[in-house]
Amino acid sequence: MHVESGKLRVAKIFYLNYFLPSTFHLLNMTFDEYQKQSRKTAVYPDADKNFIYPTLGLAGESGEVAEKIKKVLRDKGGVIDETTKQEITKELGDVLWYVAQLSTELGLSLDNVAAENIKKLFSRLERGKLGGNGDNR
């Protein structure tokens, strides 16, 4: 049985509490909380006045998701194994990060972005317009 020294344990608890949100908090995080926490890691040129950087990052990361799916089709007969799911999860997390940063740059609440999207989708569902083309169907 390994027992940590008192000082080491206190330092570890301080680090985890100061630098990382609690695991419970992470499991129950809203989009706005994610947006706020992820912003602490937004290190790029002219952050807070640069919507171009996260837009380009979003395009790049979305492409990486597409690339992984393409390789599933090419190399794995369309079957997604657990390793690939984990890789795609990481890439989707990067997509989410860039969506959060772009939302912040535009002064948008990520909770509101998500809510407006669901509102739009349910309106289309109710009107039988999920298929088809155009933003305003």
N, C-alpha and C. Protein backbone atom coordinates (compact mmCIF):
# COMPACT_ATOMS: atom_id res chain seq x y z
N MET A 1 0.84 -1.17 0.00
CA MET A 1 0.00 0.00 0.00
C MET A 1 0.89 1.24 0.00
N HIS A 2 0.60 2.18 -0.90
CA HIS A 2 1.37 3.40 -1.02
C HIS A 2 0.66 4.52 -0.25
N VAL A 3 1.40 5.21 0.60
CA VAL A 3 0.83 6.32 1.35
C VAL A 3 1.60 7.58 0.95
N GLU A 4 0.87 8.60 0.50
CA GLU A 4 1.50 9.85 0.13
C GLU A 4 1.86 10.64 1.39
N SER A 5 2.96 11.37 1.29
CA SER A 5 3.30 12.25 2.40
C SER A 5 2.26 13.36 2.46
N GLY A 6 2.09 13.94 3.62
CA GLY A 6 1.10 15.00 3.81
C GLY A 6 1.32 16.17 2.87
N LYS A 7 2.58 16.60 2.72
CA LYS A 7 2.87 17.75 1.86
C LYS A 7 2.58 17.44 0.40
N LEU A 8 2.95 16.26 -0.04
CA LEU A 8 2.70 15.88 -1.43
C LEU A 8 1.20 15.81 -1.70
N ARG A 9 0.47 15.23 -0.77
CA ARG A 9 -0.98 15.11 -0.94
C ARG A 9 -1.65 16.49 -0.99
N VAL A 10 -1.23 17.39 -0.12
CA VAL A 10 -1.79 18.75 -0.12
C VAL A 10 -1.47 19.45 -1.43
N ALA A 11 -0.23 19.31 -1.91
CA ALA A 11 0.15 19.94 -3.18
C ALA A 11 -0.67 19.37 -4.33
N LYS A 12 -0.87 18.06 -4.33
CA LYS A 12 -1.65 17.42 -5.38
C LYS A 12 -3.11 17.89 -5.35
N ILE A 13 -3.69 17.97 -4.18
CA ILE A 13 -5.07 18.43 -4.05
C ILE A 13 -5.17 19.88 -4.49
N PHE A 14 -4.20 20.72 -4.10
CA PHE A 14 -4.20 22.12 -4.53
C PHE A 14 -4.16 22.20 -6.04
N TYR A 15 -3.26 21.44 -6.65
CA TYR A 15 -3.12 21.46 -8.11
C TYR A 15 -4.43 21.05 -8.78
N LEU A 16 -4.99 19.94 -8.34
CA LEU A 16 -6.22 19.45 -8.96
C LEU A 16 -7.38 20.42 -8.78
N ASN A 17 -7.50 21.01 -7.60
CA ASN A 17 -8.59 21.94 -7.35
C ASN A 17 -8.38 23.29 -8.03
N TYR A 18 -7.13 23.73 -8.13
CA TYR A 18 -6.86 25.05 -8.70
C TYR A 18 -6.87 25.02 -10.22
N PHE A 19 -6.22 24.02 -10.79
CA PHE A 19 -6.03 24.00 -12.23
C PHE A 19 -7.09 23.19 -12.98
N LEU A 20 -7.69 22.24 -12.35
CA LEU A 20 -8.66 21.40 -13.04
C LEU A 20 -10.02 21.49 -12.36
N PRO A 21 -11.08 21.68 -13.14
CA PRO A 21 -12.42 21.63 -12.54
C PRO A 21 -12.66 20.24 -11.96
N SER A 22 -13.52 20.14 -10.97
CA SER A 22 -13.78 18.84 -10.37
C SER A 22 -14.36 17.89 -11.40
N THR A 23 -14.11 16.60 -11.23
CA THR A 23 -14.65 15.60 -12.14
C THR A 23 -16.17 15.66 -12.15
N PHE A 24 -16.77 15.82 -10.98
CA PHE A 24 -18.23 15.92 -10.92
C PHE A 24 -18.71 17.09 -11.75
N HIS A 25 -18.02 18.22 -11.59
CA HIS A 25 -18.38 19.42 -12.34
C HIS A 25 -18.25 19.16 -13.85
N LEU A 26 -17.20 18.46 -14.26
CA LEU A 26 -17.00 18.18 -15.68
C LEU A 26 -18.12 17.30 -16.23
N LEU A 27 -18.59 16.37 -15.42
CA LEU A 27 -19.64 15.47 -15.89
C LEU A 27 -20.98 16.17 -16.02
N ASN A 28 -21.16 17.28 -15.35
CA ASN A 28 -22.41 18.01 -15.37
C ASN A 28 -22.24 19.41 -15.97
N MET A 29 -21.32 19.55 -16.88
CA MET A 29 -20.97 20.85 -17.43
C MET A 29 -21.98 21.31 -18.48
N THR A 30 -22.34 22.58 -18.42
CA THR A 30 -23.17 23.16 -19.47
C THR A 30 -22.25 23.59 -20.61
N PHE A 31 -22.84 23.93 -21.74
CA PHE A 31 -22.03 24.45 -22.84
C PHE A 31 -21.35 25.75 -22.44
N ASP A 32 -22.04 26.62 -21.71
CA ASP A 32 -21.43 27.87 -21.27
C ASP A 32 -20.26 27.63 -20.32
N GLU A 33 -20.39 26.63 -19.45
CA GLU A 33 -19.27 26.31 -18.55
C GLU A 33 -18.10 25.78 -19.35
N TYR A 34 -18.38 24.94 -20.35
CA TYR A 34 -17.31 24.45 -21.22
C TYR A 34 -16.63 25.63 -21.91
N GLN A 35 -17.44 26.54 -22.42
CA GLN A 35 -16.92 27.71 -23.12
C GLN A 35 -15.99 28.51 -22.20
N LYS A 36 -16.41 28.72 -20.98
CA LYS A 36 -15.60 29.48 -20.01
C LYS A 36 -14.31 28.73 -19.67
N GLN A 37 -14.40 27.44 -19.38
CA GLN A 37 -13.21 26.67 -19.02
C GLN A 37 -12.25 26.56 -20.21
N SER A 38 -12.79 26.30 -21.40
CA SER A 38 -11.92 26.13 -22.56
C SER A 38 -11.22 27.43 -22.92
N ARG A 39 -11.84 28.55 -22.59
CA ARG A 39 -11.24 29.85 -22.92
C ARG A 39 -9.91 30.04 -22.21
N LYS A 40 -9.74 29.39 -21.06
CA LYS A 40 -8.48 29.48 -20.32
C LYS A 40 -7.33 28.90 -21.12
N THR A 41 -7.64 28.07 -22.12
CA THR A 41 -6.60 27.44 -22.93
C THR A 41 -6.49 28.08 -24.31
N ALA A 42 -7.19 29.17 -24.54
CA ALA A 42 -7.20 29.83 -25.84
C ALA A 42 -5.96 30.71 -25.99
N VAL A 43 -4.91 30.12 -26.48
CA VAL A 43 -3.66 30.84 -26.71
C VAL A 43 -3.44 30.89 -28.21
N TYR A 44 -3.81 32.01 -28.80
CA TYR A 44 -3.59 32.22 -30.22
C TYR A 44 -3.50 33.72 -30.48
N PRO A 45 -2.97 34.10 -31.64
CA PRO A 45 -2.76 35.53 -31.91
C PRO A 45 -4.04 36.35 -31.78
N ASP A 46 -3.94 37.45 -31.07
CA ASP A 46 -5.04 38.41 -30.92
C ASP A 46 -6.33 37.80 -30.39
N ALA A 47 -6.19 36.84 -29.47
CA ALA A 47 -7.39 36.26 -28.84
C ALA A 47 -8.24 37.38 -28.27
N ASP A 48 -9.51 37.26 -28.37
CA ASP A 48 -10.53 38.24 -27.97
C ASP A 48 -10.83 39.26 -29.06
N LYS A 49 -10.09 39.21 -30.15
CA LYS A 49 -10.41 40.07 -31.29
C LYS A 49 -9.94 39.42 -32.59
N ASN A 50 -10.12 38.10 -32.66
CA ASN A 50 -9.64 37.35 -33.82
C ASN A 50 -10.57 36.18 -34.10
N PHE A 51 -11.62 36.40 -34.86
CA PHE A 51 -12.55 35.32 -35.19
C PHE A 51 -12.02 34.45 -36.33
N ILE A 52 -11.00 34.91 -37.05
CA ILE A 52 -10.48 34.14 -38.19
C ILE A 52 -9.74 32.90 -37.71
N TYR A 53 -8.90 33.05 -36.68
CA TYR A 53 -8.12 31.90 -36.20
C TYR A 53 -9.01 30.73 -35.81
N PRO A 54 -10.02 30.91 -34.94
CA PRO A 54 -10.83 29.74 -34.60
C PRO A 54 -11.69 29.23 -35.77
N THR A 55 -12.02 30.09 -36.72
CA THR A 55 -12.75 29.63 -37.90
C THR A 55 -11.89 28.69 -38.72
N LEU A 56 -10.64 29.05 -38.94
CA LEU A 56 -9.73 28.19 -39.69
C LEU A 56 -9.43 26.91 -38.92
N GLY A 57 -9.29 27.03 -37.60
CA GLY A 57 -9.07 25.84 -36.78
C GLY A 57 -10.25 24.88 -36.84
N LEU A 58 -11.46 25.44 -36.83
CA LEU A 58 -12.67 24.63 -36.92
C LEU A 58 -12.70 23.87 -38.24
N ALA A 59 -12.36 24.54 -39.32
CA ALA A 59 -12.33 23.87 -40.63
C ALA A 59 -11.29 22.75 -40.63
N GLY A 60 -10.13 23.03 -40.05
CA GLY A 60 -9.07 22.02 -40.02
C GLY A 60 -9.44 20.80 -39.19
N GLU A 61 -9.97 21.04 -38.00
CA GLU A 61 -10.34 19.92 -37.13
C GLU A 61 -11.51 19.13 -37.70
N SER A 62 -12.46 19.81 -38.32
CA SER A 62 -13.57 19.10 -38.96
C SER A 62 -13.04 18.20 -40.07
N GLY A 63 -12.04 18.71 -40.78
CA GLY A 63 -11.39 17.90 -41.81
C GLY A 63 -10.71 16.68 -41.24
N GLU A 64 -10.13 16.81 -40.05
CA GLU A 64 -9.49 15.66 -39.42
C GLU A 64 -10.51 14.59 -39.04
N VAL A 65 -11.69 15.01 -38.58
CA VAL A 65 -12.76 14.05 -38.30
C VAL A 65 -13.14 13.33 -39.59
N ALA A 66 -13.34 14.09 -40.65
CA ALA A 66 -13.71 13.50 -41.94
C ALA A 66 -12.63 12.55 -42.43
N GLU A 67 -11.38 12.91 -42.24
CA GLU A 67 -10.26 12.06 -42.67
C GLU A 67 -10.26 10.72 -41.93
N LYS A 68 -10.53 10.76 -40.64
CA LYS A 68 -10.58 9.51 -39.87
C LYS A 68 -11.74 8.63 -40.34
N ILE A 69 -12.88 9.23 -40.62
CA ILE A 69 -14.02 8.46 -41.12
C ILE A 69 -13.70 7.89 -42.50
N LYS A 70 -13.05 8.68 -43.34
CA LYS A 70 -12.66 8.20 -44.68
C LYS A 70 -11.78 6.95 -44.55
N LYS A 71 -10.84 7.00 -43.61
CA LYS A 71 -9.92 5.87 -43.43
C LYS A 71 -10.64 4.64 -42.88
N VAL A 72 -11.71 4.85 -42.11
CA VAL A 72 -12.53 3.73 -41.66
C VAL A 72 -13.14 3.03 -42.87
N LEU A 73 -13.64 3.82 -43.80
CA LEU A 73 -14.23 3.25 -45.01
C LEU A 73 -13.17 2.56 -45.86
N ARG A 74 -12.02 3.19 -46.03
CA ARG A 74 -10.97 2.66 -46.88
C ARG A 74 -10.27 1.45 -46.27
N ASP A 75 -9.95 1.54 -44.98
CA ASP A 75 -9.06 0.55 -44.36
C ASP A 75 -9.76 -0.48 -43.48
N LYS A 76 -10.99 -0.18 -43.03
CA LYS A 76 -11.62 -1.05 -42.04
C LYS A 76 -13.00 -1.50 -42.45
N GLY A 77 -13.31 -1.39 -43.74
CA GLY A 77 -14.59 -1.87 -44.24
C GLY A 77 -15.79 -1.17 -43.61
N GLY A 78 -15.59 0.06 -43.16
CA GLY A 78 -16.69 0.82 -42.58
C GLY A 78 -16.99 0.49 -41.13
N VAL A 79 -16.16 -0.31 -40.51
CA VAL A 79 -16.37 -0.71 -39.12
C VAL A 79 -15.50 0.16 -38.21
N ILE A 80 -16.14 0.82 -37.26
CA ILE A 80 -15.42 1.69 -36.33
C ILE A 80 -15.13 0.91 -35.06
N ASP A 81 -13.84 0.67 -34.80
CA ASP A 81 -13.45 -0.05 -33.59
C ASP A 81 -13.27 0.94 -32.44
N GLU A 82 -12.99 0.40 -31.25
CA GLU A 82 -12.88 1.25 -30.06
C GLU A 82 -11.73 2.24 -30.15
N THR A 83 -10.61 1.82 -30.72
CA THR A 83 -9.47 2.72 -30.87
C THR A 83 -9.84 3.90 -31.76
N THR A 84 -10.52 3.61 -32.85
CA THR A 84 -10.94 4.67 -33.76
C THR A 84 -11.96 5.58 -33.09
N LYS A 85 -12.88 5.01 -32.31
CA LYS A 85 -13.84 5.84 -31.57
C LYS A 85 -13.12 6.80 -30.64
N GLN A 86 -12.09 6.32 -29.97
CA GLN A 86 -11.33 7.19 -29.06
C GLN A 86 -10.63 8.30 -29.83
N GLU A 87 -10.07 7.97 -31.00
CA GLU A 87 -9.40 8.98 -31.82
C GLU A 87 -10.41 10.02 -32.32
N ILE A 88 -11.56 9.56 -32.76
CA ILE A 88 -12.60 10.48 -33.25
C ILE A 88 -13.14 11.32 -32.10
N THR A 89 -13.25 10.73 -30.92
CA THR A 89 -13.69 11.50 -29.74
C THR A 89 -12.75 12.68 -29.50
N LYS A 90 -11.46 12.43 -29.60
CA LYS A 90 -10.48 13.51 -29.40
C LYS A 90 -10.64 14.59 -30.47
N GLU A 91 -10.82 14.18 -31.70
CA GLU A 91 -10.98 15.15 -32.78
C GLU A 91 -12.28 15.94 -32.62
N LEU A 92 -13.36 15.28 -32.22
CA LEU A 92 -14.62 15.98 -31.99
C LEU A 92 -14.48 16.97 -30.83
N GLY A 93 -13.68 16.61 -29.85
CA GLY A 93 -13.39 17.54 -28.76
C GLY A 93 -12.67 18.78 -29.28
N ASP A 94 -11.76 18.59 -30.23
CA ASP A 94 -11.08 19.73 -30.83
C ASP A 94 -12.05 20.59 -31.63
N VAL A 95 -12.99 19.95 -32.33
CA VAL A 95 -14.03 20.70 -33.05
C VAL A 95 -14.83 21.53 -32.05
N LEU A 96 -15.23 20.91 -30.95
CA LEU A 96 -15.99 21.63 -29.92
C LEU A 96 -15.20 22.81 -29.37
N TRP A 97 -13.91 22.61 -29.15
CA TRP A 97 -13.07 23.69 -28.64
C TRP A 97 -13.10 24.88 -29.59
N TYR A 98 -12.94 24.62 -30.87
CA TYR A 98 -12.95 25.72 -31.84
C TYR A 98 -14.32 26.37 -31.97
N VAL A 99 -15.39 25.59 -31.86
CA VAL A 99 -16.74 26.17 -31.86
C VAL A 99 -16.89 27.10 -30.66
N ALA A 100 -16.39 26.67 -29.51
CA ALA A 100 -16.47 27.50 -28.30
C ALA A 100 -15.66 28.78 -28.46
N GLN A 101 -14.47 28.69 -29.04
CA GLN A 101 -13.64 29.89 -29.20
C GLN A 101 -14.25 30.85 -30.21
N LEU A 102 -14.78 30.31 -31.30
CA LEU A 102 -15.43 31.17 -32.29
C LEU A 102 -16.66 31.85 -31.69
N SER A 103 -17.42 31.10 -30.91
CA SER A 103 -18.58 31.68 -30.24
C SER A 103 -18.16 32.81 -29.32
N THR A 104 -17.09 32.60 -28.57
CA THR A 104 -16.59 33.64 -27.67
C THR A 104 -16.15 34.86 -28.46
N GLU A 105 -15.41 34.65 -29.53
CA GLU A 105 -14.95 35.77 -30.35
C GLU A 105 -16.11 36.59 -30.89
N LEU A 106 -17.24 35.93 -31.16
CA LEU A 106 -18.41 36.62 -31.72
C LEU A 106 -19.36 37.10 -30.63
N GLY A 107 -19.00 36.87 -29.37
CA GLY A 107 -19.83 37.32 -28.25
C GLY A 107 -21.10 36.49 -28.10
N LEU A 108 -21.04 35.23 -28.50
CA LEU A 108 -22.19 34.34 -28.43
C LEU A 108 -22.05 33.36 -27.28
N SER A 109 -23.16 33.09 -26.62
CA SER A 109 -23.21 32.06 -25.59
C SER A 109 -23.33 30.70 -26.26
N LEU A 110 -22.46 29.77 -25.89
CA LEU A 110 -22.53 28.42 -26.48
C LEU A 110 -23.83 27.72 -26.08
N ASP A 111 -24.32 27.98 -24.86
CA ASP A 111 -25.64 27.46 -24.48
C ASP A 111 -26.71 27.96 -25.44
N ASN A 112 -26.65 29.23 -25.78
CA ASN A 112 -27.64 29.82 -26.68
C ASN A 112 -27.49 29.26 -28.10
N VAL A 113 -26.26 29.09 -28.56
CA VAL A 113 -26.03 28.50 -29.88
C VAL A 113 -26.68 27.12 -29.95
N ALA A 114 -26.46 26.30 -28.92
CA ALA A 114 -27.03 24.95 -28.89
C ALA A 114 -28.55 25.00 -28.82
N ALA A 115 -29.08 25.88 -27.97
CA ALA A 115 -30.53 25.99 -27.82
C ALA A 115 -31.19 26.45 -29.11
N GLU A 116 -30.60 27.43 -29.78
CA GLU A 116 -31.17 27.93 -31.04
C GLU A 116 -31.13 26.85 -32.11
N ASN A 117 -30.08 26.02 -32.10
CA ASN A 117 -29.99 24.94 -33.07
C ASN A 117 -31.08 23.91 -32.85
N ILE A 118 -31.31 23.53 -31.59
CA ILE A 118 -32.37 22.57 -31.28
C ILE A 118 -33.74 23.15 -31.64
N LYS A 119 -33.93 24.41 -31.34
CA LYS A 119 -35.18 25.09 -31.68
C LYS A 119 -35.42 25.02 -33.19
N LYS A 120 -34.40 25.33 -33.97
CA LYS A 120 -34.50 25.28 -35.43
C LYS A 120 -34.81 23.87 -35.91
N LEU A 121 -34.11 22.88 -35.37
CA LEU A 121 -34.30 21.50 -35.81
C LEU A 121 -35.70 20.98 -35.49
N PHE A 122 -36.20 21.31 -34.29
CA PHE A 122 -37.54 20.85 -33.94
C PHE A 122 -38.62 21.56 -34.75
N SER A 123 -38.37 22.81 -35.09
CA SER A 123 -39.30 23.51 -35.97
C SER A 123 -39.36 22.81 -37.32
N ARG A 124 -38.21 22.44 -37.85
CA ARG A 124 -38.18 21.71 -39.13
C ARG A 124 -38.86 20.36 -39.00
N LEU A 125 -38.62 19.67 -37.89
CA LEU A 125 -39.24 18.37 -37.66
C LEU A 125 -40.76 18.49 -37.66
N GLU A 126 -41.26 19.47 -36.92
CA GLU A 126 -42.71 19.67 -36.83
C GLU A 126 -43.33 20.01 -38.18
N ARG A 127 -42.58 20.69 -39.04
CA ARG A 127 -43.09 21.09 -40.35
C ARG A 127 -42.72 20.11 -41.45
N GLY A 128 -42.06 18.99 -41.07
CA GLY A 128 -41.66 17.99 -42.06
C GLY A 128 -40.59 18.50 -43.02
N LYS A 129 -39.69 19.35 -42.53
CA LYS A 129 -38.67 19.97 -43.38
C LYS A 129 -37.24 19.60 -42.96
N LEU A 130 -37.04 18.45 -42.34
CA LEU A 130 -35.68 18.07 -41.96
C LEU A 130 -34.83 17.81 -43.21
N GLY A 131 -35.44 17.24 -44.23
CA GLY A 131 -34.74 17.02 -45.49
C GLY A 131 -34.78 18.27 -46.34
N GLY A 132 -34.04 18.26 -47.41
CA GLY A 132 -34.08 19.39 -48.33
C GLY A 132 -32.87 20.29 -48.18
N ASN A 133 -32.95 21.47 -48.77
CA ASN A 133 -31.84 22.41 -48.79
C ASN A 133 -32.22 23.75 -48.21
N GLY A 134 -31.21 24.49 -47.81
CA GLY A 134 -31.43 25.86 -47.37
C GLY A 134 -31.50 26.00 -45.87
N ASP A 135 -31.01 27.12 -45.38
CA ASP A 135 -30.99 27.39 -43.95
C ASP A 135 -32.37 27.72 -43.41
N ASN A 136 -33.21 28.34 -44.23
CA ASN A 136 -34.51 28.83 -43.74
C ASN A 136 -35.68 28.00 -44.25
N ARG A 137 -35.52 26.69 -44.21
CA ARG A 137 -36.62 25.84 -44.68
C ARG A 137 -37.62 25.55 -43.60
